[in-house]
Amino acid sequence: MAFQLIVLYHHPESVAAFDKHYDETHAPIAATLPGVRAYTVLRPAAGPSGEQPAYHLVAVLTFDDQEAFNAAMGSEAGAAAVADLANFAGAGVTMLTGPAGQVV
C-alpha cells in the first residue's frame, strides 16, 4: 500500500520570500528523495466567502510503502530537506504520515 507524507505549511510572514525559497530551493531538494513516486503541491485558494485557508501550502509526497518512506527520510536528501525547513518555514509546519488508499 502506498505511504504518504503530507506537509501543511502555516501562513508565512512573507509570502513572496516563502514561495521563492520553496519553489527554487526546497522543492528541488524534496524532489530528489529516493523512492518518491509522486510529489504534488497545493496552494489553497480563499474559501467561497473569501476566508483565508488554514494553510499556505500543502505538499503531498507518495512512496511505495513505509519502508521506502523511511529509507528516503534517512537519506542525505531527507536530512537536507528537513534541515532546510528552518530556512523558510518559520511560521511552522504540520507533518502527517501514513498509509494512503485511493477511494475513486
PDB file of N, CA and C in Angstrom:
ATOM      1  N   MET A   1       0.847  -1.184   0.000  1.00  0.00           N
ATOM      2  CA  MET A   1       0.000   0.000   0.000  1.00  0.00           C
ATOM      3  C   MET A   1       0.888   1.241   0.000  1.00  0.00           C
ATOM      4  N   ALA A   2       0.490   2.228  -0.762  1.00  0.00           N
ATOM      5  CA  ALA A   2       1.249   3.482  -0.826  1.00  0.00           C
ATOM      6  C   ALA A   2       1.336   4.124   0.558  1.00  0.00           C
ATOM      7  N   PHE A   3       2.369   4.900   0.744  1.00  0.00           N
ATOM      8  CA  PHE A   3       2.601   5.597   2.006  1.00  0.00           C
ATOM      9  C   PHE A   3       2.864   7.060   1.671  1.00  0.00           C
ATOM     10  N   GLN A   4       2.207   7.961   2.407  1.00  0.00           N
ATOM     11  CA  GLN A   4       2.353   9.378   2.093  1.00  0.00           C
ATOM     12  C   GLN A   4       2.895  10.200   3.245  1.00  0.00           C
ATOM     13  N   LEU A   5       3.586  11.265   2.845  1.00  0.00           N
ATOM     14  CA  LEU A   5       3.993  12.343   3.740  1.00  0.00           C
ATOM     15  C   LEU A   5       3.216  13.568   3.272  1.00  0.00           C
ATOM     16  N   ILE A   6       2.421  14.130   4.167  1.00  0.00           N
ATOM     17  CA  ILE A   6       1.673  15.354   3.873  1.00  0.00           C
ATOM     18  C   ILE A   6       2.242  16.447   4.770  1.00  0.00           C
ATOM     19  N   VAL A   7       2.670  17.540   4.141  1.00  0.00           N
ATOM     20  CA  VAL A   7       3.266  18.649   4.886  1.00  0.00           C
ATOM     21  C   VAL A   7       2.354  19.864   4.730  1.00  0.00           C
ATOM     22  N   LEU A   8       1.866  20.367   5.853  1.00  0.00           N
ATOM     23  CA  LEU A   8       0.968  21.521   5.892  1.00  0.00           C
ATOM     24  C   LEU A   8       1.778  22.720   6.377  1.00  0.00           C
ATOM     25  N   TYR A   9       2.003  23.668   5.510  1.00  0.00           N
ATOM     26  CA  TYR A   9       2.803  24.847   5.849  1.00  0.00           C
ATOM     27  C   TYR A   9       1.893  25.969   6.324  1.00  0.00           C
ATOM     28  N   HIS A  10       2.187  26.482   7.502  1.00  0.00           N
ATOM     29  CA  HIS A  10       1.419  27.587   8.065  1.00  0.00           C
ATOM     30  C   HIS A  10       1.714  28.872   7.286  1.00  0.00           C
ATOM     31  N   HIS A  11       0.848  29.848   7.430  1.00  0.00           N
ATOM     32  CA  HIS A  11       0.996  31.094   6.676  1.00  0.00           C
ATOM     33  C   HIS A  11       2.271  31.831   7.089  1.00  0.00           C
ATOM     34  N   PRO A  12       3.145  32.100   6.127  1.00  0.00           N
ATOM     35  CA  PRO A  12       4.410  32.773   6.437  1.00  0.00           C
ATOM     36  C   PRO A  12       4.229  34.270   6.603  1.00  0.00           C
ATOM     37  N   GLU A  13       5.194  34.880   7.253  1.00  0.00           N
ATOM     38  CA  GLU A  13       5.201  36.328   7.394  1.00  0.00           C
ATOM     39  C   GLU A  13       5.370  36.985   6.023  1.00  0.00           C
ATOM     40  N   SER A  14       6.273  36.468   5.220  1.00  0.00           N
ATOM     41  CA  SER A  14       6.496  36.990   3.869  1.00  0.00           C
ATOM     42  C   SER A  14       6.163  35.894   2.861  1.00  0.00           C
ATOM     43  N   VAL A  15       5.025  36.033   2.204  1.00  0.00           N
ATOM     44  CA  VAL A  15       4.604  35.048   1.215  1.00  0.00           C
ATOM     45  C   VAL A  15       5.602  34.977   0.065  1.00  0.00           C
ATOM     46  N   ALA A  16       6.064  36.127  -0.413  1.00  0.00           N
ATOM     47  CA  ALA A  16       6.995  36.158  -1.548  1.00  0.00           C
ATOM     48  C   ALA A  16       8.294  35.425  -1.212  1.00  0.00           C
ATOM     49  N   ALA A  17       8.856  35.683  -0.030  1.00  0.00           N
ATOM     50  CA  ALA A  17      10.106  35.027   0.366  1.00  0.00           C
ATOM     51  C   ALA A  17       9.897  33.521   0.539  1.00  0.00           C
ATOM     52  N   PHE A  18       8.790  33.132   1.164  1.00  0.00           N
ATOM     53  CA  PHE A  18       8.483  31.716   1.357  1.00  0.00           C
ATOM     54  C   PHE A  18       8.370  31.017   0.006  1.00  0.00           C
ATOM     55  N   ASP A  19       7.530  31.562  -0.874  1.00  0.00           N
ATOM     56  CA  ASP A  19       7.289  30.930  -2.167  1.00  0.00           C
ATOM     57  C   ASP A  19       8.570  30.825  -2.993  1.00  0.00           C
ATOM     58  N   LYS A  20       9.383  31.868  -2.973  1.00  0.00           N
ATOM     59  CA  LYS A  20      10.640  31.847  -3.726  1.00  0.00           C
ATOM     60  C   LYS A  20      11.546  30.730  -3.212  1.00  0.00           C
ATOM     61  N   HIS A  21      11.709  30.641  -1.887  1.00  0.00           N
ATOM     62  CA  HIS A  21      12.577  29.614  -1.319  1.00  0.00           C
ATOM     63  C   HIS A  21      11.995  28.220  -1.572  1.00  0.00           C
ATOM     64  N   TYR A  22      10.698  28.075  -1.366  1.00  0.00           N
ATOM     65  CA  TYR A  22      10.082  26.763  -1.572  1.00  0.00           C
ATOM     66  C   TYR A  22      10.273  26.300  -3.013  1.00  0.00           C
ATOM     67  N   ASP A  23       9.921  27.171  -3.960  1.00  0.00           N
ATOM     68  CA  ASP A  23       9.964  26.801  -5.377  1.00  0.00           C
ATOM     69  C   ASP A  23      11.381  26.608  -5.910  1.00  0.00           C
ATOM     70  N   GLU A  24      12.312  27.445  -5.473  1.00  0.00           N
ATOM     71  CA  GLU A  24      13.659  27.425  -6.045  1.00  0.00           C
ATOM     72  C   GLU A  24      14.655  26.558  -5.278  1.00  0.00           C
ATOM     73  N   THR A  25      14.384  26.311  -3.999  1.00  0.00           N
ATOM     74  CA  THR A  25      15.345  25.561  -3.183  1.00  0.00           C
ATOM     75  C   THR A  25      14.752  24.287  -2.586  1.00  0.00           C
ATOM     76  N   HIS A  26      13.669  24.440  -1.826  1.00  0.00           N
ATOM     77  CA  HIS A  26      13.160  23.286  -1.078  1.00  0.00           C
ATOM     78  C   HIS A  26      12.559  22.209  -1.974  1.00  0.00           C
ATOM     79  N   ALA A  27      11.683  22.608  -2.888  1.00  0.00           N
ATOM     80  CA  ALA A  27      11.046  21.614  -3.756  1.00  0.00           C
ATOM     81  C   ALA A  27      12.076  20.816  -4.557  1.00  0.00           C
ATOM     82  N   PRO A  28      13.101  21.461  -5.126  1.00  0.00           N
ATOM     83  CA  PRO A  28      14.111  20.663  -5.833  1.00  0.00           C
ATOM     84  C   PRO A  28      14.838  19.660  -4.927  1.00  0.00           C
ATOM     85  N   ILE A  29      15.051  20.025  -3.661  1.00  0.00           N
ATOM     86  CA  ILE A  29      15.675  19.072  -2.726  1.00  0.00           C
ATOM     87  C   ILE A  29      14.723  17.910  -2.486  1.00  0.00           C
ATOM     88  N   ALA A  30      13.467  18.218  -2.157  1.00  0.00           N
ATOM     89  CA  ALA A  30      12.488  17.171  -1.853  1.00  0.00           C
ATOM     90  C   ALA A  30      12.255  16.255  -3.057  1.00  0.00           C
ATOM     91  N   ALA A  31      12.345  16.811  -4.238  1.00  0.00           N
ATOM     92  CA  ALA A  31      12.128  16.016  -5.447  1.00  0.00           C
ATOM     93  C   ALA A  31      13.210  14.957  -5.651  1.00  0.00           C
ATOM     94  N   THR A  32      14.345  15.105  -4.966  1.00  0.00           N
ATOM     95  CA  THR A  32      15.427  14.121  -5.103  1.00  0.00           C
ATOM     96  C   THR A  32      15.348  13.009  -4.066  1.00  0.00           C
ATOM     97  N   LEU A  33      14.330  13.021  -3.211  1.00  0.00           N
ATOM     98  CA  LEU A  33      14.206  11.953  -2.226  1.00  0.00           C
ATOM     99  C   LEU A  33      14.139  10.607  -2.952  1.00  0.00           C
ATOM    100  N   PRO A  34      14.994   9.678  -2.567  1.00  0.00           N
ATOM    101  CA  PRO A  34      14.966   8.387  -3.252  1.00  0.00           C
ATOM    102  C   PRO A  34      13.616   7.692  -3.018  1.00  0.00           C
ATOM    103  N   GLY A  35      13.064   7.156  -4.078  1.00  0.00           N
ATOM    104  CA  GLY A  35      11.835   6.391  -3.958  1.00  0.00           C
ATOM    105  C   GLY A  35      10.554   7.194  -4.002  1.00  0.00           C
ATOM    106  N   VAL A  36      10.635   8.518  -4.113  1.00  0.00           N
ATOM    107  CA  VAL A  36       9.399   9.298  -4.180  1.00  0.00           C
ATOM    108  C   VAL A  36       8.728   9.004  -5.525  1.00  0.00           C
ATOM    109  N   ARG A  37       7.456   8.617  -5.480  1.00  0.00           N
ATOM    110  CA  ARG A  37       6.722   8.227  -6.689  1.00  0.00           C
ATOM    111  C   ARG A  37       5.879   9.370  -7.238  1.00  0.00           C
ATOM    112  N   ALA A  38       5.446  10.242  -6.351  1.00  0.00           N
ATOM    113  CA  ALA A  38       4.661  11.409  -6.769  1.00  0.00           C
ATOM    114  C   ALA A  38       4.901  12.505  -5.752  1.00  0.00           C
ATOM    115  N   TYR A  39       4.875  13.745  -6.234  1.00  0.00           N
ATOM    116  CA  TYR A  39       5.104  14.907  -5.370  1.00  0.00           C
ATOM    117  C   TYR A  39       4.209  16.008  -5.912  1.00  0.00           C
ATOM    118  N   THR A  40       3.173  16.347  -5.156  1.00  0.00           N
ATOM    119  CA  THR A  40       2.252  17.388  -5.587  1.00  0.00           C
ATOM    120  C   THR A  40       2.224  18.513  -4.562  1.00  0.00           C
ATOM    121  N   VAL A  41       1.929  19.707  -5.055  1.00  0.00           N
ATOM    122  CA  VAL A  41       1.861  20.889  -4.207  1.00  0.00           C
ATOM    123  C   VAL A  41       0.528  21.581  -4.471  1.00  0.00           C
ATOM    124  N   LEU A  42      -0.133  21.987  -3.403  1.00  0.00           N
ATOM    125  CA  LEU A  42      -1.378  22.731  -3.485  1.00  0.00           C
ATOM    126  C   LEU A  42      -1.204  24.041  -2.729  1.00  0.00           C
ATOM    127  N   ARG A  43      -1.540  25.133  -3.386  1.00  0.00           N
ATOM    128  CA  ARG A  43      -1.592  26.432  -2.723  1.00  0.00           C
ATOM    129  C   ARG A  43      -3.074  26.760  -2.592  1.00  0.00           C
ATOM    130  N   PRO A  44      -3.662  26.481  -1.413  1.00  0.00           N
ATOM    131  CA  PRO A  44      -5.102  26.624  -1.255  1.00  0.00           C
ATOM    132  C   PRO A  44      -5.605  28.034  -1.564  1.00  0.00           C
ATOM    133  N   ALA A  45      -6.727  28.093  -2.255  1.00  0.00           N
ATOM    134  CA  ALA A  45      -7.373  29.362  -2.582  1.00  0.00           C
ATOM    135  C   ALA A  45      -8.299  29.773  -1.434  1.00  0.00           C
ATOM    136  N   ALA A  46      -8.678  31.025  -1.433  1.00  0.00           N
ATOM    137  CA  ALA A  46      -9.633  31.514  -0.438  1.00  0.00           C
ATOM    138  C   ALA A  46     -10.943  30.748  -0.580  1.00  0.00           C
ATOM    139  N   GLY A  47     -11.654  30.627   0.524  1.00  0.00           N
ATOM    140  CA  GLY A  47     -12.934  29.929   0.519  1.00  0.00           C
ATOM    141  C   GLY A  47     -14.009  30.729  -0.200  1.00  0.00           C
ATOM    142  N   PRO A  48     -15.198  30.177  -0.304  1.00  0.00           N
ATOM    143  CA  PRO A  48     -16.290  30.823  -1.029  1.00  0.00           C
ATOM    144  C   PRO A  48     -16.629  32.227  -0.516  1.00  0.00           C
ATOM    145  N   SER A  49     -16.428  32.447   0.758  1.00  0.00           N
ATOM    146  CA  SER A  49     -16.723  33.763   1.339  1.00  0.00           C
ATOM    147  C   SER A  49     -15.482  34.645   1.434  1.00  0.00           C
ATOM    148  N   GLY A  50     -14.378  34.188   0.828  1.00  0.00           N
ATOM    149  CA  GLY A  50     -13.144  34.962   0.849  1.00  0.00           C
ATOM    150  C   GLY A  50     -12.267  34.703   2.056  1.00  0.00           C
ATOM    151  N   GLU A  51     -12.656  33.759   2.906  1.00  0.00           N
ATOM    152  CA  GLU A  51     -11.857  33.483   4.105  1.00  0.00           C
ATOM    153  C   GLU A  51     -10.532  32.827   3.738  1.00  0.00           C
ATOM    154  N   GLN A  52      -9.519  33.163   4.525  1.00  0.00           N
ATOM    155  CA  GLN A  52      -8.179  32.625   4.301  1.00  0.00           C
ATOM    156  C   GLN A  52      -8.178  31.138   4.634  1.00  0.00           C
ATOM    157  N   PRO A  53      -7.556  30.319   3.782  1.00  0.00           N
ATOM    158  CA  PRO A  53      -7.465  28.893   4.101  1.00  0.00           C
ATOM    159  C   PRO A  53      -6.588  28.674   5.331  1.00  0.00           C
ATOM    160  N   ALA A  54      -6.712  27.520   5.930  1.00  0.00           N
ATOM    161  CA  ALA A  54      -5.969  27.223   7.158  1.00  0.00           C
ATOM    162  C   ALA A  54      -4.461  27.146   6.925  1.00  0.00           C
ATOM    163  N   TYR A  55      -4.044  26.798   5.699  1.00  0.00           N
ATOM    164  CA  TYR A  55      -2.623  26.629   5.409  1.00  0.00           C
ATOM    165  C   TYR A  55      -2.247  27.384   4.146  1.00  0.00           C
ATOM    166  N   HIS A  56      -0.979  27.785   4.076  1.00  0.00           N
ATOM    167  CA  HIS A  56      -0.470  28.490   2.901  1.00  0.00           C
ATOM    168  C   HIS A  56      -0.158  27.526   1.760  1.00  0.00           C
ATOM    169  N   LEU A  57       0.421  26.367   2.102  1.00  0.00           N
ATOM    170  CA  LEU A  57       0.842  25.404   1.088  1.00  0.00           C
ATOM    171  C   LEU A  57       0.718  24.005   1.667  1.00  0.00           C
ATOM    172  N   VAL A  58       0.323  23.070   0.820  1.00  0.00           N
ATOM    173  CA  VAL A  58       0.225  21.665   1.208  1.00  0.00           C
ATOM    174  C   VAL A  58       1.037  20.856   0.206  1.00  0.00           C
ATOM    175  N   ALA A  59       1.984  20.077   0.708  1.00  0.00           N
ATOM    176  CA  ALA A  59       2.785  19.203  -0.143  1.00  0.00           C
ATOM    177  C   ALA A  59       2.453  17.758   0.185  1.00  0.00           C
ATOM    178  N   VAL A  60       2.294  16.943  -0.852  1.00  0.00           N
ATOM    179  CA  VAL A  60       1.998  15.518  -0.669  1.00  0.00           C
ATOM    180  C   VAL A  60       3.037  14.716  -1.438  1.00  0.00           C
ATOM    181  N   LEU A  61       3.785  13.914  -0.711  1.00  0.00           N
ATOM    182  CA  LEU A  61       4.804  13.051  -1.316  1.00  0.00           C
ATOM    183  C   LEU A  61       4.374  11.609  -1.106  1.00  0.00           C
ATOM    184  N   THR A  62       4.384  10.844  -2.178  1.00  0.00           N
ATOM    185  CA  THR A  62       3.924   9.463  -2.122  1.00  0.00           C
ATOM    186  C   THR A  62       5.073   8.505  -2.400  1.00  0.00           C
ATOM    187  N   PHE A  63       5.129   7.468  -1.588  1.00  0.00           N
ATOM    188  CA  PHE A  63       6.148   6.417  -1.699  1.00  0.00           C
ATOM    189  C   PHE A  63       5.446   5.075  -1.853  1.00  0.00           C
ATOM    190  N   ASP A  64       6.169   4.063  -2.286  1.00  0.00           N
ATOM    191  CA  ASP A  64       5.570   2.737  -2.473  1.00  0.00           C
ATOM    192  C   ASP A  64       5.034   2.162  -1.170  1.00  0.00           C
ATOM    193  N   ASP A  65       5.783   2.365  -0.080  1.00  0.00           N
ATOM    194  CA  ASP A  65       5.387   1.809   1.215  1.00  0.00           C
ATOM    195  C   ASP A  65       6.168   2.523   2.319  1.00  0.00           C
ATOM    196  N   GLN A  66       5.898   2.135   3.556  1.00  0.00           N
ATOM    197  CA  GLN A  66       6.550   2.805   4.686  1.00  0.00           C
ATOM    198  C   GLN A  66       8.055   2.585   4.687  1.00  0.00           C
ATOM    199  N   GLU A  67       8.496   1.436   4.233  1.00  0.00           N
ATOM    200  CA  GLU A  67       9.937   1.168   4.193  1.00  0.00           C
ATOM    201  C   GLU A  67      10.630   2.127   3.221  1.00  0.00           C
ATOM    202  N   ALA A  68      10.009   2.385   2.081  1.00  0.00           N
ATOM    203  CA  ALA A  68      10.578   3.328   1.112  1.00  0.00           C
ATOM    204  C   ALA A  68      10.598   4.740   1.693  1.00  0.00           C
ATOM    205  N   PHE A  69       9.542   5.111   2.406  1.00  0.00           N
ATOM    206  CA  PHE A  69       9.496   6.422   3.064  1.00  0.00           C
ATOM    207  C   PHE A  69      10.611   6.531   4.098  1.00  0.00           C
ATOM    208  N   ASN A  70      10.744   5.522   4.943  1.00  0.00           N
ATOM    209  CA  ASN A  70      11.780   5.543   5.980  1.00  0.00           C
ATOM    210  C   ASN A  70      13.174   5.655   5.368  1.00  0.00           C
ATOM    211  N   ALA A  71      13.411   4.925   4.290  1.00  0.00           N
ATOM    212  CA  ALA A  71      14.714   4.995   3.618  1.00  0.00           C
ATOM    213  C   ALA A  71      14.946   6.393   3.052  1.00  0.00           C
ATOM    214  N   ALA A  72      13.917   6.985   2.460  1.00  0.00           N
ATOM    215  CA  ALA A  72      14.050   8.330   1.888  1.00  0.00           C
ATOM    216  C   ALA A  72      14.371   9.344   2.976  1.00  0.00           C
ATOM    217  N   MET A  73      13.676   9.271   4.077  1.00  0.00           N
ATOM    218  CA  MET A  73      13.897  10.237   5.145  1.00  0.00           C
ATOM    219  C   MET A  73      15.241  10.026   5.837  1.00  0.00           C
ATOM    220  N   GLY A  74      15.769   8.820   5.773  1.00  0.00           N
ATOM    221  CA  GLY A  74      17.082   8.535   6.342  1.00  0.00           C
ATOM    222  C   GLY A  74      18.234   8.829   5.391  1.00  0.00           C
ATOM    223  N   SER A  75      17.900   9.239   4.187  1.00  0.00           N
ATOM    224  CA  SER A  75      18.927   9.519   3.180  1.00  0.00           C
ATOM    225  C   SER A  75      19.501  10.924   3.348  1.00  0.00           C
ATOM    226  N   GLU A  76      20.548  11.210   2.580  1.00  0.00           N
ATOM    227  CA  GLU A  76      21.125  12.558   2.568  1.00  0.00           C
ATOM    228  C   GLU A  76      20.104  13.595   2.141  1.00  0.00           C
ATOM    229  N   ALA A  77      19.322  13.277   1.124  1.00  0.00           N
ATOM    230  CA  ALA A  77      18.290  14.204   0.647  1.00  0.00           C
ATOM    231  C   ALA A  77      17.227  14.434   1.717  1.00  0.00           C
ATOM    232  N   GLY A  78      16.873  13.387   2.446  1.00  0.00           N
ATOM    233  CA  GLY A  78      15.893  13.527   3.527  1.00  0.00           C
ATOM    234  C   GLY A  78      16.407  14.445   4.620  1.00  0.00           C
ATOM    235  N   ALA A  79      17.650  14.261   5.009  1.00  0.00           N
ATOM    236  CA  ALA A  79      18.254  15.125   6.029  1.00  0.00           C
ATOM    237  C   ALA A  79      18.328  16.564   5.542  1.00  0.00           C
ATOM    238  N   ALA A  80      18.673  16.750   4.271  1.00  0.00           N
ATOM    239  CA  ALA A  80      18.768  18.103   3.711  1.00  0.00           C
ATOM    240  C   ALA A  80      17.400  18.779   3.670  1.00  0.00           C
ATOM    241  N   ALA A  81      16.367  18.031   3.293  1.00  0.00           N
ATOM    242  CA  ALA A  81      15.013  18.601   3.228  1.00  0.00           C
ATOM    243  C   ALA A  81      14.540  19.026   4.620  1.00  0.00           C
ATOM    244  N   VAL A  82      14.749  18.174   5.606  1.00  0.00           N
ATOM    245  CA  VAL A  82      14.335  18.512   6.979  1.00  0.00           C
ATOM    246  C   VAL A  82      15.131  19.710   7.491  1.00  0.00           C
ATOM    247  N   ALA A  83      16.427  19.730   7.270  1.00  0.00           N
ATOM    248  CA  ALA A  83      17.267  20.842   7.726  1.00  0.00           C
ATOM    249  C   ALA A  83      16.871  22.146   7.051  1.00  0.00           C
ATOM    250  N   ASP A  84      16.440  22.081   5.801  1.00  0.00           N
ATOM    251  CA  ASP A  84      16.086  23.293   5.060  1.00  0.00           C
ATOM    252  C   ASP A  84      14.826  23.966   5.590  1.00  0.00           C
ATOM    253  N   LEU A  85      13.983  23.253   6.296  1.00  0.00           N
ATOM    254  CA  LEU A  85      12.747  23.854   6.817  1.00  0.00           C
ATOM    255  C   LEU A  85      13.034  25.099   7.648  1.00  0.00           C
ATOM    256  N   ALA A  86      14.115  25.089   8.394  1.00  0.00           N
ATOM    257  CA  ALA A  86      14.464  26.241   9.231  1.00  0.00           C
ATOM    258  C   ALA A  86      14.780  27.482   8.398  1.00  0.00           C
ATOM    259  N   ASN A  87      15.078  27.307   7.127  1.00  0.00           N
ATOM    260  CA  ASN A  87      15.451  28.429   6.267  1.00  0.00           C
ATOM    261  C   ASN A  87      14.265  29.206   5.704  1.00  0.00           C
ATOM    262  N   PHE A  88      13.055  28.642   5.795  1.00  0.00           N
ATOM    263  CA  PHE A  88      11.918  29.339   5.186  1.00  0.00           C
ATOM    264  C   PHE A  88      10.573  29.103   5.869  1.00  0.00           C
ATOM    265  N   ALA A  89      10.462  28.098   6.702  1.00  0.00           N
ATOM    266  CA  ALA A  89       9.170  27.730   7.287  1.00  0.00           C
ATOM    267  C   ALA A  89       9.068  28.133   8.753  1.00  0.00           C
ATOM    268  N   GLY A  90       9.456  29.375   9.038  1.00  0.00           N
ATOM    269  CA  GLY A  90       9.455  29.859  10.410  1.00  0.00           C
ATOM    270  C   GLY A  90       8.082  29.918  11.055  1.00  0.00           C
ATOM    271  N   ALA A  91       7.029  29.992  10.257  1.00  0.00           N
ATOM    272  CA  ALA A  91       5.673  30.032  10.808  1.00  0.00           C
ATOM    273  C   ALA A  91       5.206  28.658  11.260  1.00  0.00           C
ATOM    274  N   GLY A  92       5.966  27.639  10.897  1.00  0.00           N
ATOM    275  CA  GLY A  92       5.658  26.281  11.342  1.00  0.00           C
ATOM    276  C   GLY A  92       5.094  25.394  10.251  1.00  0.00           C
ATOM    277  N   VAL A  93       5.231  24.109  10.492  1.00  0.00           N
ATOM    278  CA  VAL A  93       4.690  23.095   9.596  1.00  0.00           C
ATOM    279  C   VAL A  93       4.049  22.001  10.446  1.00  0.00           C
ATOM    280  N   THR A  94       3.088  21.349   9.867  1.00  0.00           N
ATOM    281  CA  THR A  94       2.494  20.159  10.463  1.00  0.00           C
ATOM    282  C   THR A  94       2.726  19.036   9.472  1.00  0.00           C
ATOM    283  N   MET A  95       3.290  17.918   9.952  1.00  0.00           N
ATOM    284  CA  MET A  95       3.567  16.785   9.071  1.00  0.00           C
ATOM    285  C   MET A  95       2.717  15.595   9.484  1.00  0.00           C
ATOM    286  N   LEU A  96       2.138  14.974   8.472  1.00  0.00           N
ATOM    287  CA  LEU A  96       1.325  13.781   8.679  1.00  0.00           C
ATOM    288  C   LEU A  96       1.893  12.675   7.806  1.00  0.00           C
ATOM    289  N   THR A  97       1.954  11.460   8.325  1.00  0.00           N
ATOM    290  CA  THR A  97       2.411  10.326   7.527  1.00  0.00           C
ATOM    291  C   THR A  97       1.477   9.161   7.753  1.00  0.00           C
ATOM    292  N   GLY A  98       1.386   8.322   6.750  1.00  0.00           N
ATOM    293  CA  GLY A  98       0.597   7.110   6.926  1.00  0.00           C
ATOM    294  C   GLY A  98       0.277   6.445   5.614  1.00  0.00           C
ATOM    295  N   PRO A  99      -0.316   5.235   5.706  1.00  0.00           N
ATOM    296  CA  PRO A  99      -0.710   4.515   4.512  1.00  0.00           C
ATOM    297  C   PRO A  99      -1.815   5.285   3.795  1.00  0.00           C
ATOM    298  N   ALA A 100      -1.773   5.259   2.472  1.00  0.00           N
ATOM    299  CA  ALA A 100      -2.756   6.006   1.684  1.00  0.00           C
ATOM    300  C   ALA A 100      -3.454   5.062   0.714  1.00  0.00           C
ATOM    301  N   GLY A 101      -4.757   5.122   0.718  1.00  0.00           N
ATOM    302  CA  GLY A 101      -5.540   4.334  -0.220  1.00  0.00           C
ATOM    303  C   GLY A 101      -6.335   5.252  -1.132  1.00  0.00           C
ATOM    304  N   GLN A 102      -6.644   4.760  -2.302  1.00  0.00           N
ATOM    305  CA  GLN A 102      -7.411   5.543  -3.264  1.00  0.00           C
ATOM    306  C   GLN A 102      -8.879   5.163  -3.159  1.00  0.00           C
ATOM    307  N   VAL A 103      -9.745   6.156  -3.057  1.00  0.00           N
ATOM    308  CA  VAL A 103     -11.176   5.925  -2.936  1.00  0.00           C
ATOM    309  C   VAL A 103     -11.829   5.844  -4.315  1.00  0.00           C
ATOM    310  N   VAL A 104     -11.473   6.756  -5.192  1.00  0.00           N
ATOM    311  CA  VAL A 104     -12.062   6.773  -6.533  1.00  0.00           C
ATOM    312  C   VAL A 104     -10.943   6.670  -7.567  1.00  0.00           C
TER     313      VAL A 104
END
